[in-house]
Full PDB file with SEQRES, HELIX, SHEET, SSBOND, CRYST1, ORIGX, SCALE, CONECT and MASTER records, all heavy atoms in Angstrom:
SEQRES   1 A   44  ARG LEU LEU ALA GLU VAL THR ALA ARG PHE GLY ALA ALA          
SEQRES   2 A   44  VAL GLY ILE ARG GLN PHE PHE THR GLY PRO THR VAL ALA          
SEQRES   3 A   44  GLU LEU ALA ALA ALA LEU PRO ALA ALA ALA ALA ALA GLY          
SEQRES   4 A   44  ALA THR ALA GLN ASP                                          
HELIX    1 AA1 LEU A    2  PHE A   10  1                                   9    
HELIX    2 AA2 ILE A   16  THR A   21  1                                   6    
HELIX    3 AA3 VAL A   25  ALA A   38  1                                  14    
CRYST1    1.000    1.000    1.000  90.00  90.00  90.00 P 1           1          
ORIGX1      1.000000  0.000000  0.000000        0.00000                         
ORIGX2      0.000000  1.000000  0.000000        0.00000                         
ORIGX3      0.000000  0.000000  1.000000        0.00000                         
SCALE1      1.000000  0.000000  0.000000        0.00000                         
SCALE2      0.000000  1.000000  0.000000        0.00000                         
SCALE3      0.000000  0.000000  1.000000        0.00000                         
ATOM      1  N   ARG A   1      39.300  63.694-105.631  1.00  0.00           N  
ATOM      2  CA  ARG A   1      37.905  63.918-106.021  1.00  0.00           C  
ATOM      3  C   ARG A   1      37.783  65.166-106.876  1.00  0.00           C  
ATOM      4  O   ARG A   1      37.079  65.176-107.902  1.00  0.00           O  
ATOM      5  CB  ARG A   1      37.045  64.034-104.766  1.00  0.00           C  
ATOM      6  CG  ARG A   1      35.590  64.361-105.049  1.00  0.00           C  
ATOM      7  CD  ARG A   1      34.810  64.555-103.764  1.00  0.00           C  
ATOM      8  NE  ARG A   1      33.546  65.230-104.012  1.00  0.00           N  
ATOM      9  CZ  ARG A   1      32.759  65.718-103.051  1.00  0.00           C  
ATOM     10  NH1 ARG A   1      33.112  65.583-101.779  1.00  0.00           N  
ATOM     11  NH2 ARG A   1      31.628  66.317-103.355  1.00  0.00           N  
ATOM     12  N   LEU A   2      38.480  66.223-106.478  1.00  0.00           N  
ATOM     13  CA  LEU A   2      38.421  67.464-107.231  1.00  0.00           C  
ATOM     14  C   LEU A   2      38.970  67.273-108.641  1.00  0.00           C  
ATOM     15  O   LEU A   2      38.395  67.750-109.631  1.00  0.00           O  
ATOM     16  CB  LEU A   2      39.191  68.554-106.497  1.00  0.00           C  
ATOM     17  CG  LEU A   2      39.223  69.922-107.198  1.00  0.00           C  
ATOM     18  CD1 LEU A   2      38.950  71.046-106.195  1.00  0.00           C  
ATOM     19  CD2 LEU A   2      40.561  70.177-107.873  1.00  0.00           C  
ATOM     20  N   LEU A   3      40.097  66.563-108.762  1.00  0.00           N  
ATOM     21  CA  LEU A   3      40.690  66.371-110.085  1.00  0.00           C  
ATOM     22  C   LEU A   3      39.807  65.501-110.973  1.00  0.00           C  
ATOM     23  O   LEU A   3      39.787  65.669-112.198  1.00  0.00           O  
ATOM     24  CB  LEU A   3      42.082  65.771-109.947  1.00  0.00           C  
ATOM     25  CG  LEU A   3      43.133  66.710-109.322  1.00  0.00           C  
ATOM     26  CD1 LEU A   3      44.471  65.997-109.186  1.00  0.00           C  
ATOM     27  CD2 LEU A   3      43.285  67.987-110.132  1.00  0.00           C  
ATOM     28  N   ALA A   4      39.086  64.574-110.365  1.00  0.00           N  
ATOM     29  CA  ALA A   4      38.126  63.789-111.143  1.00  0.00           C  
ATOM     30  C   ALA A   4      37.022  64.690-111.687  1.00  0.00           C  
ATOM     31  O   ALA A   4      36.580  64.528-112.843  1.00  0.00           O  
ATOM     32  CB  ALA A   4      37.539  62.678-110.278  1.00  0.00           C  
ATOM     33  N   GLU A   5      36.561  65.640-110.884  1.00  0.00           N  
ATOM     34  CA  GLU A   5      35.545  66.593-111.344  1.00  0.00           C  
ATOM     35  C   GLU A   5      36.098  67.478-112.459  1.00  0.00           C  
ATOM     36  O   GLU A   5      35.392  67.807-113.422  1.00  0.00           O  
ATOM     37  CB  GLU A   5      35.071  67.460-110.166  1.00  0.00           C  
ATOM     38  CG  GLU A   5      34.349  66.701-109.064  1.00  0.00           C  
ATOM     39  CD  GLU A   5      32.960  66.250-109.497  1.00  0.00           C  
ATOM     40  OE1 GLU A   5      32.417  66.819-110.477  1.00  0.00           O  
ATOM     41  OE2 GLU A   5      32.426  65.322-108.859  1.00  0.00           O  
ATOM     42  N   VAL A   6      37.366  67.867-112.316  1.00  0.00           N  
ATOM     43  CA  VAL A   6      38.002  68.689-113.346  1.00  0.00           C  
ATOM     44  C   VAL A   6      38.097  67.918-114.657  1.00  0.00           C  
ATOM     45  O   VAL A   6      37.816  68.446-115.750  1.00  0.00           O  
ATOM     46  CB  VAL A   6      39.401  69.158-112.885  1.00  0.00           C  
ATOM     47  CG1 VAL A   6      40.166  69.821-114.036  1.00  0.00           C  
ATOM     48  CG2 VAL A   6      39.263  70.129-111.723  1.00  0.00           C  
ATOM     49  N   THR A   7      38.470  66.631-114.565  1.00  0.00           N  
ATOM     50  CA  THR A   7      38.553  65.803-115.759  1.00  0.00           C  
ATOM     51  C   THR A   7      37.190  65.674-116.425  1.00  0.00           C  
ATOM     52  O   THR A   7      37.064  65.769-117.654  1.00  0.00           O  
ATOM     53  CB  THR A   7      39.099  64.406-115.395  1.00  0.00           C  
ATOM     54  OG1 THR A   7      40.393  64.551-114.823  1.00  0.00           O  
ATOM     55  CG2 THR A   7      39.180  63.517-116.615  1.00  0.00           C  
ATOM     56  N   ALA A   8      36.145  65.476-115.624  1.00  0.00           N  
ATOM     57  CA  ALA A   8      34.799  65.345-116.170  1.00  0.00           C  
ATOM     58  C   ALA A   8      34.334  66.633-116.841  1.00  0.00           C  
ATOM     59  O   ALA A   8      33.627  66.600-117.859  1.00  0.00           O  
ATOM     60  CB  ALA A   8      33.831  64.942-115.064  1.00  0.00           C  
ATOM     61  N   ARG A   9      34.729  67.759-116.296  1.00  0.00           N  
ATOM     62  CA  ARG A   9      34.269  69.045-116.835  1.00  0.00           C  
ATOM     63  C   ARG A   9      35.081  69.499-118.032  1.00  0.00           C  
ATOM     64  O   ARG A   9      34.544  70.020-119.010  1.00  0.00           O  
ATOM     65  CB  ARG A   9      34.349  70.102-115.704  1.00  0.00           C  
ATOM     66  CG  ARG A   9      34.142  71.550-116.154  1.00  0.00           C  
ATOM     67  CD  ARG A   9      32.723  71.779-116.655  1.00  0.00           C  
ATOM     68  NE  ARG A   9      32.487  73.176-116.971  1.00  0.00           N  
ATOM     69  CZ  ARG A   9      32.894  73.783-118.085  1.00  0.00           C  
ATOM     70  NH1 ARG A   9      33.555  73.092-119.010  1.00  0.00           N  
ATOM     71  NH2 ARG A   9      32.626  75.049-118.288  1.00  0.00           N  
ATOM     72  N   PHE A  10      36.400  69.299-118.010  1.00  0.00           N  
ATOM     73  CA  PHE A  10      37.271  69.873-119.036  1.00  0.00           C  
ATOM     74  C   PHE A  10      37.878  68.828-119.963  1.00  0.00           C  
ATOM     75  O   PHE A  10      38.466  69.188-120.993  1.00  0.00           O  
ATOM     76  CB  PHE A  10      38.413  70.669-118.385  1.00  0.00           C  
ATOM     77  CG  PHE A  10      37.958  71.898-117.658  1.00  0.00           C  
ATOM     78  CD1 PHE A  10      37.723  71.870-116.287  1.00  0.00           C  
ATOM     79  CD2 PHE A  10      37.764  73.094-118.340  1.00  0.00           C  
ATOM     80  CE1 PHE A  10      37.307  72.991-115.620  1.00  0.00           C  
ATOM     81  CE2 PHE A  10      37.342  74.231-117.671  1.00  0.00           C  
ATOM     82  CZ  PHE A  10      37.111  74.185-116.307  1.00  0.00           C  
ATOM     83  N   GLY A  11      37.806  67.547-119.591  1.00  0.00           N  
ATOM     84  CA  GLY A  11      38.446  66.528-120.391  1.00  0.00           C  
ATOM     85  C   GLY A  11      39.959  66.595-120.338  1.00  0.00           C  
ATOM     86  O   GLY A  11      40.642  66.081-121.228  1.00  0.00           O  
ATOM     87  N   ALA A  12      40.493  67.244-119.321  1.00  0.00           N  
ATOM     88  CA  ALA A  12      41.941  67.394-119.146  1.00  0.00           C  
ATOM     89  C   ALA A  12      42.312  66.796-117.807  1.00  0.00           C  
ATOM     90  O   ALA A  12      41.820  67.238-116.769  1.00  0.00           O  
ATOM     91  CB  ALA A  12      42.338  68.872-119.202  1.00  0.00           C  
ATOM     92  N   ALA A  13      43.176  65.796-117.856  1.00  0.00           N  
ATOM     93  CA  ALA A  13      43.571  65.112-116.627  1.00  0.00           C  
ATOM     94  C   ALA A  13      44.863  65.714-116.091  1.00  0.00           C  
ATOM     95  O   ALA A  13      45.946  65.480-116.638  1.00  0.00           O  
ATOM     96  CB  ALA A  13      43.742  63.624-116.883  1.00  0.00           C  
ATOM     97  N   VAL A  14      44.769  66.496-115.038  1.00  0.00           N  
ATOM     98  CA  VAL A  14      45.949  67.081-114.384  1.00  0.00           C  
ATOM     99  C   VAL A  14      46.455  66.081-113.350  1.00  0.00           C  
ATOM    100  O   VAL A  14      45.674  65.564-112.539  1.00  0.00           O  
ATOM    101  CB  VAL A  14      45.598  68.426-113.721  1.00  0.00           C  
ATOM    102  CG1 VAL A  14      46.804  68.982-112.967  1.00  0.00           C  
ATOM    103  CG2 VAL A  14      45.115  69.414-114.772  1.00  0.00           C  
ATOM    104  N   GLY A  15      47.731  65.789-113.379  1.00  0.00           N  
ATOM    105  CA  GLY A  15      48.299  64.841-112.438  1.00  0.00           C  
ATOM    106  C   GLY A  15      48.253  65.344-111.013  1.00  0.00           C  
ATOM    107  O   GLY A  15      48.359  66.549-110.747  1.00  0.00           O  
ATOM    108  N   ILE A  16      48.091  64.430-110.066  1.00  0.00           N  
ATOM    109  CA  ILE A  16      48.011  64.807-108.662  1.00  0.00           C  
ATOM    110  C   ILE A  16      49.305  65.462-108.193  1.00  0.00           C  
ATOM    111  O   ILE A  16      49.286  66.396-107.391  1.00  0.00           O  
ATOM    112  CB  ILE A  16      47.656  63.582-107.778  1.00  0.00           C  
ATOM    113  CG1 ILE A  16      47.358  64.002-106.334  1.00  0.00           C  
ATOM    114  CG2 ILE A  16      48.772  62.543-107.818  1.00  0.00           C  
ATOM    115  CD1 ILE A  16      46.062  64.684-106.163  1.00  0.00           C  
ATOM    116  N   ARG A  17      50.438  64.999-108.724  1.00  0.00           N  
ATOM    117  CA  ARG A  17      51.703  65.601-108.322  1.00  0.00           C  
ATOM    118  C   ARG A  17      51.790  67.047-108.792  1.00  0.00           C  
ATOM    119  O   ARG A  17      52.285  67.919-108.081  1.00  0.00           O  
ATOM    120  CB  ARG A  17      52.867  64.783-108.880  1.00  0.00           C  
ATOM    121  CG  ARG A  17      52.936  63.357-108.332  1.00  0.00           C  
ATOM    122  CD  ARG A  17      54.098  62.582-108.930  1.00  0.00           C  
ATOM    123  NE  ARG A  17      54.105  61.205-108.476  1.00  0.00           N  
ATOM    124  CZ  ARG A  17      54.979  60.300-108.874  1.00  0.00           C  
ATOM    125  NH1 ARG A  17      55.916  60.629-109.754  1.00  0.00           N  
ATOM    126  NH2 ARG A  17      54.915  59.052-108.427  1.00  0.00           N  
ATOM    127  N   GLN A  18      51.326  67.283-109.996  1.00  0.00           N  
ATOM    128  CA  GLN A  18      51.341  68.654-110.518  1.00  0.00           C  
ATOM    129  C   GLN A  18      50.428  69.549-109.685  1.00  0.00           C  
ATOM    130  O   GLN A  18      50.753  70.715-109.423  1.00  0.00           O  
ATOM    131  CB  GLN A  18      50.901  68.661-111.980  1.00  0.00           C  
ATOM    132  CG  GLN A  18      50.922  70.050-112.627  1.00  0.00           C  
ATOM    133  CD  GLN A  18      50.514  70.009-114.089  1.00  0.00           C  
ATOM    134  OE1 GLN A  18      50.254  68.943-114.635  1.00  0.00           O  
ATOM    135  NE2 GLN A  18      50.455  71.174-114.719  1.00  0.00           N  
ATOM    136  N   PHE A  19      49.282  68.996-109.274  1.00  0.00           N  
ATOM    137  CA  PHE A  19      48.352  69.801-108.485  1.00  0.00           C  
ATOM    138  C   PHE A  19      48.953  70.184-107.137  1.00  0.00           C  
ATOM    139  O   PHE A  19      48.715  71.282-106.627  1.00  0.00           O  
ATOM    140  CB  PHE A  19      47.044  69.026-108.285  1.00  0.00           C  
ATOM    141  CG  PHE A  19      45.993  69.796-107.522  1.00  0.00           C  
ATOM    142  CD1 PHE A  19      45.429  70.941-108.056  1.00  0.00           C  
ATOM    143  CD2 PHE A  19      45.579  69.377-106.268  1.00  0.00           C  
ATOM    144  CE1 PHE A  19      44.467  71.661-107.366  1.00  0.00           C  
ATOM    145  CE2 PHE A  19      44.623  70.081-105.566  1.00  0.00           C  
ATOM    146  CZ  PHE A  19      44.062  71.229-106.117  1.00  0.00           C  
ATOM    147  N   PHE A  20      49.734  69.291-106.547  1.00  0.00           N  
ATOM    148  CA  PHE A  20      50.355  69.609-105.261  1.00  0.00           C  
ATOM    149  C   PHE A  20      51.333  70.767-105.380  1.00  0.00           C  
ATOM    150  O   PHE A  20      51.550  71.505-104.421  1.00  0.00           O  
ATOM    151  CB  PHE A  20      51.061  68.374-104.684  1.00  0.00           C  
ATOM    152  CG  PHE A  20      50.194  67.560-103.768  1.00  0.00           C  
ATOM    153  CD1 PHE A  20      49.324  66.604-104.271  1.00  0.00           C  
ATOM    154  CD2 PHE A  20      50.227  67.753-102.400  1.00  0.00           C  
ATOM    155  CE1 PHE A  20      48.516  65.865-103.434  1.00  0.00           C  
ATOM    156  CE2 PHE A  20      49.432  67.013-101.546  1.00  0.00           C  
ATOM    157  CZ  PHE A  20      48.570  66.061-102.060  1.00  0.00           C  
ATOM    158  N   THR A  21      51.934  70.933-106.544  1.00  0.00           N  
ATOM    159  CA  THR A  21      52.888  72.042-106.711  1.00  0.00           C  
ATOM    160  C   THR A  21      52.192  73.328-107.143  1.00  0.00           C  
ATOM    161  O   THR A  21      52.781  74.406-107.036  1.00  0.00           O  
ATOM    162  CB  THR A  21      53.957  71.678-107.762  1.00  0.00           C  
ATOM    163  OG1 THR A  21      53.320  71.447-109.035  1.00  0.00           O  
ATOM    164  CG2 THR A  21      54.716  70.426-107.337  1.00  0.00           C  
ATOM    165  N   GLY A  22      50.956  73.228-107.606  1.00  0.00           N  
ATOM    166  CA  GLY A  22      50.211  74.427-108.004  1.00  0.00           C  
ATOM    167  C   GLY A  22      48.773  74.330-107.582  1.00  0.00           C  
ATOM    168  O   GLY A  22      47.870  74.186-108.420  1.00  0.00           O  
ATOM    169  N   PRO A  23      48.494  74.408-106.270  1.00  0.00           N  
ATOM    170  CA  PRO A  23      47.161  74.083-105.765  1.00  0.00           C  
ATOM    171  C   PRO A  23      46.191  75.265-105.684  1.00  0.00           C  
ATOM    172  O   PRO A  23      45.393  75.363-104.763  1.00  0.00           O  
ATOM    173  CB  PRO A  23      47.460  73.540-104.372  1.00  0.00           C  
ATOM    174  CG  PRO A  23      48.639  74.347-103.913  1.00  0.00           C  
ATOM    175  CD  PRO A  23      49.448  74.628-105.156  1.00  0.00           C  
ATOM    176  N   THR A  24      46.268  76.207-106.637  1.00  0.00           N  
ATOM    177  CA  THR A  24      45.317  77.314-106.667  1.00  0.00           C  
ATOM    178  C   THR A  24      44.500  77.244-107.945  1.00  0.00           C  
ATOM    179  O   THR A  24      44.884  76.587-108.924  1.00  0.00           O  
ATOM    180  CB  THR A  24      46.025  78.677-106.594  1.00  0.00           C  
ATOM    181  OG1 THR A  24      46.733  78.910-107.824  1.00  0.00           O  
ATOM    182  CG2 THR A  24      46.995  78.738-105.425  1.00  0.00           C  
ATOM    183  N   VAL A  25      43.371  77.931-107.953  1.00  0.00           N  
ATOM    184  CA  VAL A  25      42.524  77.968-109.150  1.00  0.00           C  
ATOM    185  C   VAL A  25      43.293  78.548-110.322  1.00  0.00           C  
ATOM    186  O   VAL A  25      43.228  78.037-111.456  1.00  0.00           O  
ATOM    187  CB  VAL A  25      41.247  78.778-108.858  1.00  0.00           C  
ATOM    188  CG1 VAL A  25      40.506  79.098-110.157  1.00  0.00           C  
ATOM    189  CG2 VAL A  25      40.333  78.025-107.895  1.00  0.00           C  
ATOM    190  N   ALA A  26      44.027  79.626-110.073  1.00  0.00           N  
ATOM    191  CA  ALA A  26      44.765  80.266-111.157  1.00  0.00           C  
ATOM    192  C   ALA A  26      45.802  79.319-111.755  1.00  0.00           C  
ATOM    193  O   ALA A  26      45.949  79.225-112.984  1.00  0.00           O  
ATOM    194  CB  ALA A  26      45.439  81.542-110.646  1.00  0.00           C  
ATOM    195  N   GLU A  27      46.521  78.602-110.896  1.00  0.00           N  
ATOM    196  CA  GLU A  27      47.548  77.682-111.393  1.00  0.00           C  
ATOM    197  C   GLU A  27      46.927  76.494-112.112  1.00  0.00           C  
ATOM    198  O   GLU A  27      47.454  76.011-113.128  1.00  0.00           O  
ATOM    199  CB  GLU A  27      48.420  77.216-110.224  1.00  0.00           C  
ATOM    200  CG  GLU A  27      49.312  78.317-109.654  1.00  0.00           C  
ATOM    201  CD  GLU A  27      49.938  77.935-108.331  1.00  0.00           C  
ATOM    202  OE1 GLU A  27      49.206  77.445-107.440  1.00  0.00           O  
ATOM    203  OE2 GLU A  27      51.163  78.142-108.180  1.00  0.00           O  
ATOM    204  N   LEU A  28      45.807  76.006-111.586  1.00  0.00           N  
ATOM    205  CA  LEU A  28      45.148  74.877-112.231  1.00  0.00           C  
ATOM    206  C   LEU A  28      44.576  75.294-113.587  1.00  0.00           C  
ATOM    207  O   LEU A  28      44.658  74.548-114.579  1.00  0.00           O  
ATOM    208  CB  LEU A  28      44.046  74.335-111.327  1.00  0.00           C  
ATOM    209  CG  LEU A  28      43.347  73.048-111.785  1.00  0.00           C  
ATOM    210  CD1 LEU A  28      44.356  71.930-112.037  1.00  0.00           C  
ATOM    211  CD2 LEU A  28      42.320  72.614-110.757  1.00  0.00           C  
ATOM    212  N   ALA A  29      44.001  76.484-113.673  1.00  0.00           N  
ATOM    213  CA  ALA A  29      43.474  76.979-114.949  1.00  0.00           C  
ATOM    214  C   ALA A  29      44.583  77.114-115.981  1.00  0.00           C  
ATOM    215  O   ALA A  29      44.399  76.795-117.168  1.00  0.00           O  
ATOM    216  CB  ALA A  29      42.775  78.316-114.732  1.00  0.00           C  
ATOM    217  N   ALA A  30      45.749  77.571-115.535  1.00  0.00           N  
ATOM    218  CA  ALA A  30      46.872  77.722-116.453  1.00  0.00           C  
ATOM    219  C   ALA A  30      47.383  76.378-116.949  1.00  0.00           C  
ATOM    220  O   ALA A  30      47.954  76.281-118.051  1.00  0.00           O  
ATOM    221  CB  ALA A  30      47.995  78.496-115.767  1.00  0.00           C  
ATOM    222  N   ALA A  31      47.203  75.320-116.161  1.00  0.00           N  
ATOM    223  CA  ALA A  31      47.698  73.997-116.537  1.00  0.00           C  
ATOM    224  C   ALA A  31      46.731  73.239-117.429  1.00  0.00           C  
ATOM    225  O   ALA A  31      47.108  72.217-118.020  1.00  0.00           O  
ATOM    226  CB  ALA A  31      47.972  73.177-115.276  1.00  0.00           C  
ATOM    227  N   LEU A  32      45.483  73.707-117.566  1.00  0.00           N  
ATOM    228  CA  LEU A  32      44.477  72.950-118.315  1.00  0.00           C  
ATOM    229  C   LEU A  32      44.821  72.761-119.793  1.00  0.00           C  
ATOM    230  O   LEU A  32      44.686  71.652-120.323  1.00  0.00           O  
ATOM    231  CB  LEU A  32      43.108  73.619-118.173  1.00  0.00           C  
ATOM    232  CG  LEU A  32      42.428  73.479-116.799  1.00  0.00           C  
ATOM    233  CD1 LEU A  32      41.115  74.252-116.786  1.00  0.00           C  
ATOM    234  CD2 LEU A  32      42.180  72.007-116.472  1.00  0.00           C  
ATOM    235  N   PRO A  33      45.248  73.815-120.523  1.00  0.00           N  
ATOM    236  CA  PRO A  33      45.505  73.606-121.956  1.00  0.00           C  
ATOM    237  C   PRO A  33      46.553  72.545-122.223  1.00  0.00           C  
ATOM    238  O   PRO A  33      46.363  71.673-123.095  1.00  0.00           O  
ATOM    239  CB  PRO A  33      45.971  74.997-122.426  1.00  0.00           C  
ATOM    240  CG  PRO A  33      45.354  75.946-121.446  1.00  0.00           C  
ATOM    241  CD  PRO A  33      45.393  75.227-120.142  1.00  0.00           C  
ATOM    242  N   ALA A  34      47.661  72.582-121.488  1.00  0.00           N  
ATOM    243  CA  ALA A  34      48.712  71.594-121.694  1.00  0.00           C  
ATOM    244  C   ALA A  34      48.230  70.198-121.323  1.00  0.00           C  
ATOM    245  O   ALA A  34      48.565  69.212-121.989  1.00  0.00           O  
ATOM    246  CB  ALA A  34      49.949  71.969-120.880  1.00  0.00           C  
ATOM    247  N   ALA A  35      47.438  70.106-120.248  1.00  0.00           N  
ATOM    248  CA  ALA A  35      46.935  68.801-119.827  1.00  0.00           C  
ATOM    249  C   ALA A  35      45.970  68.238-120.859  1.00  0.00           C  
ATOM    250  O   ALA A  35      45.968  67.033-121.139  1.00  0.00           O  
ATOM    251  CB  ALA A  35      46.246  68.922-118.469  1.00  0.00           C  
ATOM    252  N   ALA A  36      45.155  69.087-121.465  1.00  0.00           N  
ATOM    253  CA  ALA A  36      44.208  68.624-122.471  1.00  0.00           C  
ATOM    254  C   ALA A  36      44.932  68.169-123.726  1.00  0.00           C  
ATOM    255  O   ALA A  36      44.535  67.190-124.381  1.00  0.00           O  
ATOM    256  CB  ALA A  36      43.223  69.736-122.797  1.00  0.00           C  
ATOM    257  N   ALA A  37      46.019  68.872-124.076  1.00  0.00           N  
ATOM    258  CA  ALA A  37      46.763  68.527-125.289  1.00  0.00           C  
ATOM    259  C   ALA A  37      47.569  67.245-125.108  1.00  0.00           C  
ATOM    260  O   ALA A  37      47.658  66.411-126.015  1.00  0.00           O  
ATOM    261  CB  ALA A  37      47.689  69.683-125.673  1.00  0.00           C  
ATOM    262  N   ALA A  38      48.169  67.101-123.947  1.00  0.00           N  
ATOM    263  CA  ALA A  38      49.045  65.950-123.715  1.00  0.00           C  
ATOM    264  C   ALA A  38      48.274  64.700-123.312  1.00  0.00           C  
ATOM    265  O   ALA A  38      48.769  63.589-123.459  1.00  0.00           O  
ATOM    266  CB  ALA A  38      50.079  66.288-122.639  1.00  0.00           C  
ATOM    267  N   GLY A  39      47.071  64.874-122.805  1.00  0.00           N  
ATOM    268  CA  GLY A  39      46.313  63.727-122.317  1.00  0.00           C  
ATOM    269  C   GLY A  39      46.888  63.260-120.998  1.00  0.00           C  
ATOM    270  O   GLY A  39      47.619  63.973-120.317  1.00  0.00           O  
ATOM    271  N   ALA A  40      46.591  62.056-120.627  1.00  0.00           N  
ATOM    272  CA  ALA A  40      47.050  61.520-119.346  1.00  0.00           C  
ATOM    273  C   ALA A  40      48.543  61.290-119.384  1.00  0.00           C  
ATOM    274  O   ALA A  40      49.090  60.874-120.391  1.00  0.00           O  
ATOM    275  CB  ALA A  40      46.337  60.215-119.021  1.00  0.00           C  
ATOM    276  N   THR A  41      49.204  61.550-118.284  1.00  0.00           N  
ATOM    277  CA  THR A  41      50.616  61.235-118.138  1.00  0.00           C  
ATOM    278  C   THR A  41      50.747  59.886-117.466  1.00  0.00           C  
ATOM    279  O   THR A  41      49.856  59.430-116.751  1.00  0.00           O  
ATOM    280  CB  THR A  41      51.334  62.295-117.277  1.00  0.00           C  
ATOM    281  OG1 THR A  41      50.845  62.195-115.945  1.00  0.00           O  
ATOM    282  CG2 THR A  41      51.100  63.688-117.817  1.00  0.00           C  
ATOM    283  N   ALA A  42      51.862  59.254-117.697  1.00  0.00           N  
ATOM    284  CA  ALA A  42      52.071  57.924-117.104  1.00  0.00           C  
ATOM    285  C   ALA A  42      52.174  57.973-115.603  1.00  0.00           C  
ATOM    286  O   ALA A  42      52.019  56.964-114.928  1.00  0.00           O  
ATOM    287  CB  ALA A  42      53.336  57.302-117.692  1.00  0.00           C  
ATOM    288  N   GLN A  43      52.423  59.167-115.083  1.00  0.00           N  
ATOM    289  CA  GLN A  43      52.595  59.275-113.636  1.00  0.00           C  
ATOM    290  C   GLN A  43      51.287  59.550-112.909  1.00  0.00           C  
ATOM    291  O   GLN A  43      51.270  59.649-111.695  1.00  0.00           O  
ATOM    292  CB  GLN A  43      53.593  60.403-113.307  1.00  0.00           C  
ATOM    293  CG  GLN A  43      55.005  60.088-113.772  1.00  0.00           C  
ATOM    294  CD  GLN A  43      55.969  61.198-113.401  1.00  0.00           C  
ATOM    295  OE1 GLN A  43      55.553  62.306-113.070  1.00  0.00           O  
ATOM    296  NE2 GLN A  43      57.251  60.899-113.446  1.00  0.00           N  
ATOM    297  N   ASP A  44      50.198  59.712-113.661  1.00  0.00           N  
ATOM    298  CA  ASP A  44      48.929  59.933-112.987  1.00  0.00           C  
ATOM    299  C   ASP A  44      48.590  58.745-112.101  1.00  0.00           C  
ATOM    300  O   ASP A  44      48.785  57.594-112.506  1.00  0.00           O  
ATOM    301  CB  ASP A  44      47.802  60.094-114.001  1.00  0.00           C  
ATOM    302  CG  ASP A  44      47.758  61.499-114.572  1.00  0.00           C  
ATOM    303  OD1 ASP A  44      48.375  62.381-113.953  1.00  0.00           O  
ATOM    304  OD2 ASP A  44      47.113  61.689-115.612  1.00  0.00           O  
TER     305      ASP A  44                                                      
MASTER        0    0    0    3    0    0    0    6  304    1    0    4          
END                                                                             
């Protein structure tokens, strides 16, 4: 649910697996630019 909200707000889809390895605000913020540039990954 949180990642869906993040996608709606930032247009960057962070994979659930990636979030499990970096589950803090700081880590998620750092992952946003790459996620926005790469778009959805096949593993999402």
